[in-house]
Protein backbone atom coordinates (compact mmCIF):
# COMPACT_ATOMS: atom_id res chain seq x y z
CA MET A 1 109.90 -103.53 36.79
CA ASN A 2 113.21 -103.46 39.81
CA ILE A 3 113.87 -99.61 41.97
CA GLU A 4 116.07 -99.61 44.21
CA LYS A 5 117.44 -96.45 46.52
CA LEU A 6 120.79 -95.80 46.63
CA GLU A 7 121.77 -93.27 49.98
CA THR A 8 124.64 -90.19 48.28
CA GLY A 9 124.16 -87.61 51.40
CA SER A 10 121.72 -87.09 54.12
CA LEU A 11 119.96 -85.39 52.42
CA THR A 12 119.87 -86.77 48.89
CA ALA A 13 119.88 -90.29 47.45
CA THR A 14 119.10 -92.16 44.18
CA LEU A 15 116.60 -94.31 42.53
CA LYS A 16 117.81 -96.57 40.12
CA VAL A 17 115.69 -97.99 37.76
CA LYS A 18 114.99 -101.23 35.45
CA LEU A 19 112.56 -103.10 33.35
CA SER A 20 112.49 -105.73 31.74
CA PRO A 21 111.09 -106.90 28.86
CA GLU A 22 108.36 -108.42 30.42
CA ASP A 23 106.99 -104.92 31.81
CA TYR A 24 107.38 -103.03 28.77
CA ASN A 25 106.30 -105.91 25.89
CA PRO A 26 102.60 -105.58 27.07
CA GLY A 27 102.05 -101.25 26.68
CA VAL A 28 103.64 -101.76 23.27
CA GLU A 29 101.94 -104.47 22.04
CA LYS A 30 98.79 -102.68 22.83
CA ALA A 31 99.74 -99.27 21.76
CA LEU A 32 100.57 -100.62 18.26
CA LYS A 33 97.43 -102.81 17.42
CA GLU A 34 96.03 -99.59 18.49
CA GLN A 35 98.01 -97.69 16.04
CA ARG A 36 97.12 -100.38 13.14
CA LYS A 37 93.23 -100.00 13.38
CA SER A 38 93.83 -96.03 12.09
CA ALA A 39 96.59 -96.82 10.24
CA VAL A 40 96.15 -95.35 6.45
CA LEU A 41 99.07 -97.26 3.72
CA PRO A 42 99.38 -96.94 -0.17
CA GLY A 43 98.14 -100.71 -1.55
CA PHE A 44 96.34 -101.54 2.23
CA ARG A 45 93.15 -101.67 3.50
CA PRO A 46 92.12 -99.59 6.38
CA GLY A 47 93.03 -101.45 9.59
CA GLN A 48 95.34 -104.22 7.78
CA VAL A 49 98.42 -102.40 7.40
CA PRO A 50 101.29 -105.62 7.79
CA MET A 51 101.98 -105.14 11.94
CA THR A 52 105.36 -105.09 10.79
CA LEU A 53 104.85 -101.73 8.88
CA ILE A 54 103.51 -100.34 11.64
CA LYS A 55 107.01 -101.14 14.46
CA LYS A 56 108.98 -99.95 11.72
CA ARG A 57 107.46 -96.70 11.20
CA VAL A 58 106.65 -95.94 14.70
CA GLY A 59 107.13 -98.74 17.31
CA LYS A 60 110.46 -96.75 18.30
CA ALA A 61 108.11 -94.03 19.70
CA VAL A 62 105.78 -96.17 20.58
CA LEU A 63 108.50 -97.74 22.60
CA VAL A 64 109.70 -94.55 24.02
CA ASN A 65 105.86 -93.69 25.29
CA GLU A 66 106.02 -96.94 27.03
CA VAL A 67 108.77 -96.90 29.17
CA GLU A 68 108.00 -93.14 30.27
CA ARG A 69 104.70 -93.33 31.08
CA LEU A 70 105.58 -96.79 33.16
CA ILE A 71 108.57 -95.34 34.93
CA ASP A 72 106.70 -91.97 35.87
CA GLU A 73 103.82 -94.13 37.36
CA ASN A 74 105.92 -96.77 39.33
CA LEU A 75 108.00 -93.63 40.91
CA ARG A 76 105.06 -91.94 42.07
CA ASN A 77 103.92 -95.10 43.77
CA TYR A 78 107.41 -96.38 44.94
CA LEU A 79 107.64 -92.56 46.79
CA GLN A 80 104.46 -92.82 47.30
CA GLN A 81 104.21 -96.01 49.70
CA ASN A 82 107.56 -95.46 51.44
CA ALA A 83 106.57 -92.02 52.29
CA ILE A 84 109.73 -90.28 50.60
CA ARG A 85 109.44 -86.60 50.99
CA VAL A 86 111.18 -85.19 48.10
CA LEU A 87 112.00 -81.80 47.20
CA GLY A 88 110.83 -81.64 43.40
CA GLN A 89 110.69 -83.82 41.55
CA PRO A 90 113.60 -87.03 41.22
CA LEU A 91 116.04 -85.85 37.91
CA PRO A 92 117.21 -87.79 35.47
CA LYS A 93 120.67 -88.37 34.91
CA HIS A 94 121.86 -88.44 31.24
CA ALA A 95 125.07 -90.14 31.60
CA GLU A 96 123.25 -93.53 32.79
CA ALA A 97 120.89 -93.83 30.23
CA ASP A 98 123.22 -93.59 28.06
CA HIS A 99 123.90 -97.09 27.25
CA ASN A 100 120.36 -98.27 26.86
CA ASN A 101 119.32 -99.76 22.84
CA TRP A 102 116.18 -98.34 21.81
CA ASP A 103 116.42 -99.78 18.07
CA GLU A 104 117.03 -103.25 20.07
CA PRO A 105 115.35 -103.10 23.15
CA GLY A 106 115.96 -105.56 25.81
CA GLU A 107 116.61 -104.60 29.71
CA PHE A 108 116.89 -100.59 30.35
CA GLU A 109 118.10 -99.31 33.25
CA PHE A 110 118.12 -94.84 34.25
CA ALA A 111 118.82 -93.40 37.62
CA TYR A 112 117.09 -90.16 39.28
CA GLU A 113 118.68 -88.26 41.65
CA MET A 114 116.30 -86.73 44.68
CA GLY A 115 116.81 -84.19 47.23
CA LEU A 116 115.05 -84.94 50.46
CA ALA A 117 113.24 -82.53 52.52
CA PRO A 118 114.79 -82.92 56.50
CA SER A 119 112.67 -84.24 58.74
CA ILE A 120 111.84 -81.31 61.91
CA ASP A 121 110.33 -81.90 65.19
CA VAL A 122 108.34 -79.44 66.88
CA GLU A 123 107.76 -79.45 70.49
CA LEU A 124 104.26 -78.47 70.20
CA ASP A 125 103.33 -78.30 73.87
CA LYS A 126 106.12 -75.89 74.22
CA VAL A 127 104.29 -73.14 71.50
CA LYS A 128 101.86 -71.15 72.96
CA VAL A 129 99.64 -69.34 70.70
CA GLU A 130 96.86 -67.07 71.25
CA TYR A 131 93.28 -67.32 69.96
CA PRO A 132 91.42 -64.00 68.18
CA VAL A 133 88.09 -63.94 69.92
CA VAL A 134 85.11 -62.91 67.72
CA ASP A 135 82.57 -61.43 69.51
CA VAL A 136 79.76 -62.73 66.65
CA ASN A 137 76.66 -60.12 67.21
CA ASP A 138 74.22 -59.52 65.11
CA GLU A 139 75.31 -56.63 63.45
CA LEU A 140 78.01 -59.65 61.60
CA VAL A 141 75.41 -61.59 60.99
CA GLN A 142 72.79 -59.44 59.12
CA LYS A 143 76.22 -58.75 57.04
CA GLU A 144 77.21 -62.39 56.41
CA VAL A 145 73.36 -63.09 55.24
CA ASP A 146 73.20 -59.79 52.70
CA ASP A 147 76.31 -61.19 51.71
CA MET A 148 75.38 -64.53 50.87
CA ARG A 149 72.10 -63.01 49.07
CA ARG A 150 73.75 -61.20 46.86
CA ARG A 151 76.33 -64.01 45.43
CA PHE A 152 73.31 -66.58 45.60
CA GLY A 153 70.94 -64.18 44.31
CA LYS A 154 68.59 -64.48 40.99
CA LEU A 155 70.02 -62.91 37.98
CA GLU A 156 67.63 -60.42 36.10
CA ASN A 157 67.62 -57.94 33.83
CA GLY A 158 68.14 -54.57 34.24
CA THR A 159 68.66 -50.62 33.64
CA VAL A 160 69.06 -49.22 37.29
CA SER A 161 71.44 -50.97 40.00
CA GLU A 162 71.24 -50.02 43.63
CA ALA A 163 74.10 -49.18 45.94
CA ASN A 164 74.25 -52.98 46.92
CA ASP A 165 72.99 -55.12 43.94
CA MET A 166 75.99 -57.16 41.96
CA LEU A 167 76.62 -56.73 38.32
CA LEU A 168 77.26 -58.50 35.79
CA GLY A 169 79.38 -56.76 32.69
CA ASP A 170 82.31 -55.97 30.76
CA MET A 171 85.39 -53.82 32.15
CA ILE A 172 86.97 -51.32 29.39
CA GLU A 173 90.45 -50.11 30.45
CA LEU A 174 90.21 -46.14 28.77
CA ALA A 175 93.31 -44.01 28.48
CA SER A 176 93.30 -40.16 30.13
CA ASP A 177 90.76 -39.22 26.81
CA GLY A 178 88.15 -41.46 27.92
CA SER A 179 88.47 -43.49 24.60
CA MET A 180 88.87 -47.63 24.23
CA LYS A 181 92.90 -47.46 25.19
CA GLU A 182 94.40 -49.43 22.68
CA GLY A 183 95.84 -52.65 23.96
CA GLY A 184 94.41 -51.94 27.83
CA ILE A 185 92.31 -55.08 29.67
CA MET A 186 88.85 -55.89 28.51
CA HIS A 187 87.69 -58.16 31.34
CA ARG A 188 83.82 -59.35 32.18
CA ALA A 189 83.00 -59.48 35.65
CA THR A 190 81.21 -59.85 38.63
CA ARG A 191 81.18 -56.74 41.10
CA THR A 192 79.30 -54.59 43.62
CA ARG A 193 78.29 -51.41 42.41
CA ARG A 194 80.68 -49.51 45.25
CA THR A 195 84.00 -51.71 44.00
CA TRP A 196 84.49 -50.76 40.42
CA PRO A 197 87.25 -48.34 39.89
CA ALA A 198 87.07 -45.44 38.81
CA CYS A 199 89.75 -45.60 35.72
CA TRP A 200 87.22 -48.62 34.32
CA ALA A 201 84.24 -47.88 32.37
CA TRP A 202 81.08 -49.90 32.87
CA THR A 203 79.61 -50.84 29.68
CA MET A 204 75.88 -51.72 30.46
CA THR A 205 75.00 -54.46 27.73
CA GLY A 206 73.29 -57.25 28.46
CA SER A 207 74.20 -56.07 31.69
CA THR A 208 72.76 -58.69 34.54
CA THR A 209 72.62 -56.98 38.27
CA SER A 210 71.76 -59.17 41.17
CA LYS A 211 69.35 -58.47 43.92
CA ALA A 212 69.62 -58.65 47.51
CA THR A 213 65.91 -59.29 48.17
CA SER A 214 66.02 -61.78 44.98
CA SER A 215 66.74 -64.64 47.52
CA SER A 216 66.27 -65.78 50.87
CA ALA A 217 68.64 -66.24 53.51
């Protein structure tokens, strides 16, 4: 496979891709053999369908898939190896591919247009950044410890929860009259008792609680 980059502007380029039968034939033949193994046609035993019939039925589709796979794989490798920063994805130029003959395959040629990311130079030595200083006191440390104990604590079945317990249950959106809202949201989640919205009903069937005392920091 040959890939050639043509500059078409300061921030645009075109990739010319050319494939020969030596590039795609091995993959096509392998895929056709796999198709033959599973092919079932009247008058033939499974796996014994003549290859000519396999090619007639699926040969073109297999060829297209293999060519597309090779182009995708090699374009990605080319962009990575040459450190080309593309905005979005390369876009195929369909006019360039119209002359390709899929019924009598030989050499295939394709073209892809690209938008290139501009190069930006930043003089970091002239940039001033103020770093906030956090006073890590005992209260913050204890708060983080308590949060970790709640998140990673052992789940236990329970019917009564305390203010800081983590609850696993179903949240069901209710209508203004307190009934289940038609088409409303139903969501299973883990939350602390103090953080669920007032407009949600919390169903305790099968719910579990995670105790802050059930896991040490």
